[in-house]
C-alpha atoms as a PDB file:
ATOM      1  CA  UNK A   1     -42.219 -10.234 -20.687  1.00  0.00           C
ATOM      2  CA  UNK A   2     -42.358 -12.811 -17.830  1.00  0.00           C
ATOM      3  CA  UNK A   3     -43.830 -12.667 -15.071  1.00  0.00           C
ATOM      4  CA  UNK A   4     -43.124 -15.196 -11.589  1.00  0.00           C
ATOM      5  CA  UNK A   5     -45.922 -16.168  -9.560  1.00  0.00           C
ATOM      6  CA  UNK A   6     -45.195 -16.060  -5.553  1.00  0.00           C
ATOM      7  CA  UNK A   7     -44.444 -19.881  -5.273  1.00  0.00           C
ATOM      8  CA  UNK A   8     -42.829 -19.281  -8.029  1.00  0.00           C
ATOM      9  CA  UNK A   9     -40.255 -16.419  -6.390  1.00  0.00           C
ATOM     10  CA  UNK A  10     -40.644 -18.344  -2.860  1.00  0.00           C
ATOM     11  CA  UNK A  11     -38.481 -20.832  -5.084  1.00  0.00           C
ATOM     12  CA  UNK A  12     -35.869 -18.461  -6.380  1.00  0.00           C
ATOM     13  CA  UNK A  13     -35.557 -16.599  -3.148  1.00  0.00           C
ATOM     14  CA  UNK A  14     -35.763 -18.570  -0.143  1.00  0.00           C
ATOM     15  CA  UNK A  15     -38.127 -16.078   1.300  1.00  0.00           C
ATOM     16  CA  UNK A  16     -41.934 -17.932   3.029  1.00  0.00           C
ATOM     17  CA  UNK A  17     -44.828 -16.901   1.025  1.00  0.00           C
ATOM     18  CA  UNK A  18     -45.844 -15.011   3.924  1.00  0.00           C
ATOM     19  CA  UNK A  19     -42.404 -12.142   3.874  1.00  0.00           C
ATOM     20  CA  UNK A  20     -42.790 -12.394   0.158  1.00  0.00           C
ATOM     21  CA  UNK A  21     -46.782 -11.149   0.613  1.00  0.00           C
ATOM     22  CA  UNK A  22     -45.716  -8.628   3.615  1.00  0.00           C
ATOM     23  CA  UNK A  23     -43.239  -7.417   1.032  1.00  0.00           C
ATOM     24  CA  UNK A  24     -45.808  -6.603  -1.699  1.00  0.00           C
ATOM     25  CA  UNK A  25     -48.119  -4.834   0.833  1.00  0.00           C
ATOM     26  CA  UNK A  26     -45.441  -2.499   2.003  1.00  0.00           C
ATOM     27  CA  UNK A  27     -45.238  -1.820  -1.843  1.00  0.00           C
ATOM     28  CA  UNK A  28     -41.488  -2.669  -1.638  1.00  0.00           C
ATOM     29  CA  UNK A  29     -41.999  -5.761  -4.641  1.00  0.00           C
ATOM     30  CA  UNK A  30     -44.209  -4.699  -7.665  1.00  0.00           C
ATOM     31  CA  UNK A  31     -47.200  -7.182  -7.774  1.00  0.00           C
ATOM     32  CA  UNK A  32     -49.774  -7.304 -10.876  1.00  0.00           C
ATOM     33  CA  UNK A  33     -53.114  -8.890 -10.645  1.00  0.00           C
ATOM     34  CA  UNK A  34     -54.936 -10.343 -13.963  1.00  0.00           C
ATOM     35  CA  UNK A  35     -57.489  -8.508 -14.593  1.00  0.00           C
ATOM     36  CA  UNK A  36     -60.553  -9.174 -12.658  1.00  0.00           C
ATOM     37  CA  UNK A  37     -58.484 -11.519 -10.083  1.00  0.00           C
ATOM     38  CA  UNK A  38     -58.593 -10.618  -6.163  1.00  0.00           C
ATOM     39  CA  UNK A  39     -55.752 -12.838  -5.699  1.00  0.00           C
ATOM     40  CA  UNK A  40     -52.632 -14.781  -7.845  1.00  0.00           C
ATOM     41  CA  UNK A  41     -49.692 -12.146  -8.020  1.00  0.00           C
ATOM     42  CA  UNK A  42     -47.546 -12.018 -10.527  1.00  0.00           C
ATOM     43  CA  UNK A  43     -43.686 -10.032 -10.379  1.00  0.00           C
ATOM     44  CA  UNK A  44     -42.309  -9.290 -13.226  1.00  0.00           C
ATOM     45  CA  UNK A  45     -38.611 -10.229 -14.230  1.00  0.00           C
ATOM     46  CA  UNK A  46     -37.547  -6.918 -14.018  1.00  0.00           C
ATOM     47  CA  UNK A  47     -38.839  -6.535 -10.781  1.00  0.00           C
ATOM     48  CA  UNK A  48     -38.123  -9.054  -9.227  1.00  0.00           C
ATOM     49  CA  UNK A  49     -34.159  -8.194 -10.304  1.00  0.00           C
ATOM     50  CA  UNK A  50     -34.634  -4.546  -9.229  1.00  0.00           C
ATOM     51  CA  UNK A  51     -36.742  -5.901  -6.244  1.00  0.00           C
ATOM     52  CA  UNK A  52     -32.743  -7.909  -5.401  1.00  0.00           C
ATOM     53  CA  UNK A  53     -31.081  -5.807  -6.366  1.00  0.00           C
ATOM     54  CA  UNK A  54     -32.136  -2.579  -4.604  1.00  0.00           C
ATOM     55  CA  UNK A  55     -34.352  -3.633  -1.678  1.00  0.00           C
ATOM     56  CA  UNK A  56     -34.163  -7.351  -0.975  1.00  0.00           C
ATOM     57  CA  UNK A  57     -31.028  -8.221   1.528  1.00  0.00           C
ATOM     58  CA  UNK A  58     -30.585 -12.196   2.092  1.00  0.00           C
ATOM     59  CA  UNK A  59     -29.137 -13.523   5.541  1.00  0.00           C
ATOM     60  CA  UNK A  60     -27.028 -16.477   6.036  1.00  0.00           C
ATOM     61  CA  UNK A  61     -27.991 -18.491   8.142  1.00  0.00           C
ATOM     62  CA  UNK A  62     -24.686 -20.150   8.920  1.00  0.00           C
ATOM     63  CA  UNK A  63     -21.422 -18.542   9.809  1.00  0.00           C
ATOM     64  CA  UNK A  64     -19.024 -17.614   7.097  1.00  0.00           C
ATOM     65  CA  UNK A  65     -16.079 -19.696   7.702  1.00  0.00           C
ATOM     66  CA  UNK A  66     -14.037 -16.512   8.025  1.00  0.00           C
ATOM     67  CA  UNK A  67     -16.293 -14.782  10.975  1.00  0.00           C
ATOM     68  CA  UNK A  68     -15.334 -18.787  13.068  1.00  0.00           C
END
């Protein structure tokens, strides 16, 4: 099973670490930590896929050609 760190997710989603931690704390993005650790969240590939399809709404910062 593949797991991603929050830093990996920053590169994948283009969201900030702060935004991703907010999603984890709110329970919308499920993450685990390694046994005995308090830091170092890991998100499974399956959870990332679920979150992207159900919870995440990407916003385009530049207008599309059709909206001009």
